[in-house]
């Protein structure tokens, strides 16, 4: 009985990580190469730094850096990556809260203009919100952003993105207390 309840507590504790995440980002599961797509989030702690990353190495070099967004809760951007690529959005707000989209698959399209001469480098992207624009260079190159409120986007990893794979601070901060709470609850049930 004790082992069953302890196992249940240990299994359910990590499940709360997604429920109690810092904030949420909504994005499509597929996008077409060189075509606009939209994503949105629920944090209002501006600015929101947004980047496109490789889901296999989310803390590595950015595929695209969309810079800082100082108003609004959505962006329209172009994925300047070739068809067949898997991508993920990484967002960090001004309180260093993080949000990650699910894995997004880039599908083919008749438009390859954003890919440049080589589909693996030199592509550029634009992002726009209600009254801001940001431009970025793919594959982690330097970035500049322009809007009426800011003049430059981040040129280093956003928030805690560079702290190592799978190191979402929210996961670490909530999993241990939930596991302790589950074990305590299990102990109380067994003592009754």
Protein backbone atom coordinates (compact mmCIF):
# COMPACT_ATOMS: atom_id res chain seq x y z
CA UNK A 1 0.00 0.00 0.00
CA UNK A 2 2.76 2.45 0.98
CA UNK A 3 4.77 1.72 -2.16
CA UNK A 4 1.69 2.23 -4.35
CA UNK A 5 0.89 5.62 -2.82
CA UNK A 6 4.53 6.69 -2.92
CA UNK A 7 4.78 5.66 -6.57
CA UNK A 8 1.59 7.56 -7.35
CA UNK A 9 2.91 10.68 -5.59
CA UNK A 10 6.22 10.48 -7.46
CA UNK A 11 4.50 9.96 -10.80
CA UNK A 12 1.98 12.78 -10.35
CA UNK A 13 4.43 15.39 -9.02
CA UNK A 14 6.19 16.02 -12.36
CA UNK A 15 2.81 16.18 -14.11
CA UNK A 16 2.10 19.41 -12.23
CA UNK A 17 5.11 21.09 -13.87
CA UNK A 18 3.14 21.94 -17.01
CA UNK A 19 0.10 23.05 -15.03
CA UNK A 20 2.17 25.34 -12.83
CA UNK A 21 4.49 26.60 -15.59
CA UNK A 22 5.72 30.20 -15.53
CA UNK A 23 3.46 31.27 -18.39
CA UNK A 24 2.00 29.75 -21.53
CA UNK A 25 2.82 30.13 -25.22
CA UNK A 26 0.39 29.06 -27.94
CA UNK A 27 1.81 28.16 -31.35
CA UNK A 28 0.79 25.99 -34.30
CA UNK A 29 2.20 22.47 -34.58
CA UNK A 30 3.22 23.06 -38.22
CA UNK A 31 4.31 26.13 -40.17
CA UNK A 32 5.28 26.57 -43.83
CA UNK A 33 8.81 27.65 -44.72
CA UNK A 34 9.11 31.37 -45.50
CA UNK A 35 5.45 32.05 -44.65
CA UNK A 36 4.05 34.06 -41.75
CA UNK A 37 2.75 32.32 -38.66
CA UNK A 38 1.45 33.67 -35.37
CA UNK A 39 2.09 32.74 -31.78
CA UNK A 40 0.71 34.18 -28.54
CA UNK A 41 1.44 34.11 -24.80
CA UNK A 42 -0.27 35.04 -21.54
CA UNK A 43 2.44 36.95 -19.66
CA UNK A 44 2.17 40.73 -19.37
CA UNK A 45 5.55 41.28 -17.71
CA UNK A 46 7.06 43.21 -20.63
CA UNK A 47 9.37 43.07 -22.42
CA UNK A 48 8.94 39.53 -23.68
CA UNK A 49 12.08 38.16 -25.38
CA UNK A 50 11.29 35.62 -28.10
CA UNK A 51 13.57 33.27 -30.00
CA UNK A 52 13.28 30.29 -32.31
CA UNK A 53 15.43 27.36 -31.16
CA UNK A 54 16.28 23.80 -32.11
CA UNK A 55 14.22 21.50 -29.82
CA UNK A 56 17.11 19.00 -29.75
CA UNK A 57 19.41 21.72 -28.34
CA UNK A 58 17.09 24.44 -26.95
CA UNK A 59 19.90 26.14 -25.04
CA UNK A 60 22.22 26.30 -28.04
CA UNK A 61 22.45 29.00 -30.68
CA UNK A 62 19.18 30.62 -31.71
CA UNK A 63 17.83 29.71 -35.12
CA UNK A 64 16.18 33.15 -35.08
CA UNK A 65 16.04 35.87 -32.44
CA UNK A 66 12.86 37.91 -32.55
CA UNK A 67 14.12 40.40 -29.96
CA UNK A 68 12.04 42.09 -27.28
CA UNK A 69 8.33 42.79 -27.53
CA UNK A 70 7.14 45.61 -25.28
CA UNK A 71 3.40 45.41 -25.85
CA UNK A 72 0.81 42.98 -27.10
CA UNK A 73 0.62 39.27 -26.47
CA UNK A 74 1.32 37.91 -29.93
CA UNK A 75 3.76 38.11 -32.81
CA UNK A 76 3.50 37.34 -36.52
CA UNK A 77 6.83 35.97 -37.73
CA UNK A 78 8.41 34.14 -40.65
CA UNK A 79 10.19 30.86 -40.04
CA UNK A 80 13.28 31.27 -42.21
CA UNK A 81 14.28 27.63 -41.93
CA UNK A 82 13.99 24.87 -44.54
CA UNK A 83 11.13 22.38 -44.73
CA UNK A 84 11.61 19.29 -42.59
CA UNK A 85 13.21 21.24 -39.75
CA UNK A 86 11.82 20.95 -36.23
CA UNK A 87 11.70 24.21 -34.28
CA UNK A 88 10.54 25.45 -30.88
CA UNK A 89 9.72 28.90 -29.51
CA UNK A 90 11.45 30.11 -26.35
CA UNK A 91 10.00 33.12 -24.52
CA UNK A 92 11.25 34.88 -21.39
CA UNK A 93 9.46 37.78 -19.70
CA UNK A 94 10.96 40.62 -17.64
CA UNK A 95 10.59 38.56 -14.44
CA UNK A 96 12.75 35.79 -16.00
CA UNK A 97 9.69 33.52 -16.28
CA UNK A 98 10.03 31.13 -19.20
CA UNK A 99 7.60 29.59 -21.67
CA UNK A 100 8.32 27.05 -24.39
CA UNK A 101 6.10 26.02 -27.27
CA UNK A 102 5.70 22.44 -28.30
CA UNK A 103 7.81 21.17 -31.18
CA UNK A 104 6.80 22.80 -34.47
CA UNK A 105 7.42 21.08 -37.82
CA UNK A 106 8.34 23.26 -40.81
CA UNK A 107 6.53 22.10 -43.95
CA UNK A 108 7.34 22.85 -47.56
CA UNK A 109 5.98 25.75 -49.58
CA UNK A 110 6.52 27.30 -53.00
CA UNK A 111 8.38 30.18 -51.32
CA UNK A 112 12.07 29.67 -50.56
CA UNK A 113 13.02 33.35 -50.79
CA UNK A 114 13.81 33.62 -47.08
CA UNK A 115 16.35 30.80 -47.24
CA UNK A 116 18.96 32.66 -49.31
CA UNK A 117 21.62 30.89 -51.39
CA UNK A 118 22.13 28.18 -48.80
CA UNK A 119 19.23 26.73 -46.85
CA UNK A 120 21.44 26.32 -43.77
CA UNK A 121 22.74 29.87 -43.35
CA UNK A 122 22.19 33.47 -44.22
CA UNK A 123 18.43 33.49 -43.92
CA UNK A 124 16.65 36.36 -42.25
CA UNK A 125 13.30 36.82 -40.63
CA UNK A 126 10.95 39.57 -39.63
CA UNK A 127 8.55 39.74 -36.75
CA UNK A 128 5.75 42.20 -36.26
CA UNK A 129 3.29 43.03 -33.54
CA UNK A 130 0.68 45.76 -33.30
CA UNK A 131 3.22 48.56 -33.72
CA UNK A 132 6.65 47.00 -33.48
CA UNK A 133 9.01 45.23 -35.81
CA UNK A 134 12.02 43.12 -35.10
CA UNK A 135 14.46 41.59 -37.50
CA UNK A 136 16.86 38.80 -36.82
CA UNK A 137 19.51 36.72 -38.47
CA UNK A 138 19.34 32.97 -38.31
CA UNK A 139 21.72 30.55 -36.67
CA UNK A 140 22.57 32.71 -33.66
CA UNK A 141 24.15 35.63 -35.49
CA UNK A 142 23.86 39.13 -34.11
CA UNK A 143 20.44 40.71 -34.03
CA UNK A 144 18.97 44.17 -34.09
CA UNK A 145 15.46 45.12 -33.15
CA UNK A 146 13.66 48.38 -33.73
CA UNK A 147 10.47 49.78 -32.33
CA UNK A 148 9.25 53.02 -30.85
CA UNK A 149 10.01 51.73 -27.34
CA UNK A 150 13.29 49.84 -27.74
CA UNK A 151 16.29 50.14 -29.97
CA UNK A 152 18.08 46.82 -29.63
CA UNK A 153 17.19 43.18 -29.06
CA UNK A 154 19.21 40.77 -26.97
CA UNK A 155 22.45 39.48 -28.46
CA UNK A 156 22.99 36.77 -25.84
CA UNK A 157 20.79 33.86 -24.79
CA UNK A 158 17.44 35.04 -23.49
CA UNK A 159 16.83 34.65 -19.74
CA UNK A 160 18.03 31.29 -18.47
CA UNK A 161 17.97 29.70 -21.92
CA UNK A 162 21.76 29.22 -21.90
CA UNK A 163 21.86 27.46 -18.55
CA UNK A 164 21.80 23.92 -19.96
CA UNK A 165 19.44 21.47 -21.65
CA UNK A 166 16.26 20.70 -19.78
CA UNK A 167 17.00 23.24 -17.10
CA UNK A 168 13.71 25.09 -16.97
CA UNK A 169 13.87 26.76 -13.57
CA UNK A 170 10.13 26.29 -13.02
CA UNK A 171 10.48 22.53 -13.32
CA UNK A 172 13.20 22.40 -10.72
CA UNK A 173 11.47 24.81 -8.36
CA UNK A 174 8.12 23.00 -8.27
CA UNK A 175 8.98 19.29 -8.67
CA UNK A 176 10.89 18.89 -5.40
CA UNK A 177 8.25 20.58 -3.18
CA UNK A 178 5.47 18.58 -4.85
CA UNK A 179 7.35 15.33 -4.31
CA UNK A 180 7.90 16.23 -0.64
CA UNK A 181 4.23 17.17 -0.29
CA UNK A 182 3.20 13.88 -1.91
CA UNK A 183 5.46 11.86 0.39
CA UNK A 184 4.13 13.74 3.45
CA UNK A 185 0.55 13.13 2.35
CA UNK A 186 1.32 9.46 1.83
CA UNK A 187 2.88 9.23 5.30
CA UNK A 188 -0.18 10.85 6.86
CA UNK A 189 -2.51 8.43 5.08
CA UNK A 190 -0.50 5.48 6.28
CA UNK A 191 -0.52 6.69 9.89
CA UNK A 192 -4.34 6.82 9.94
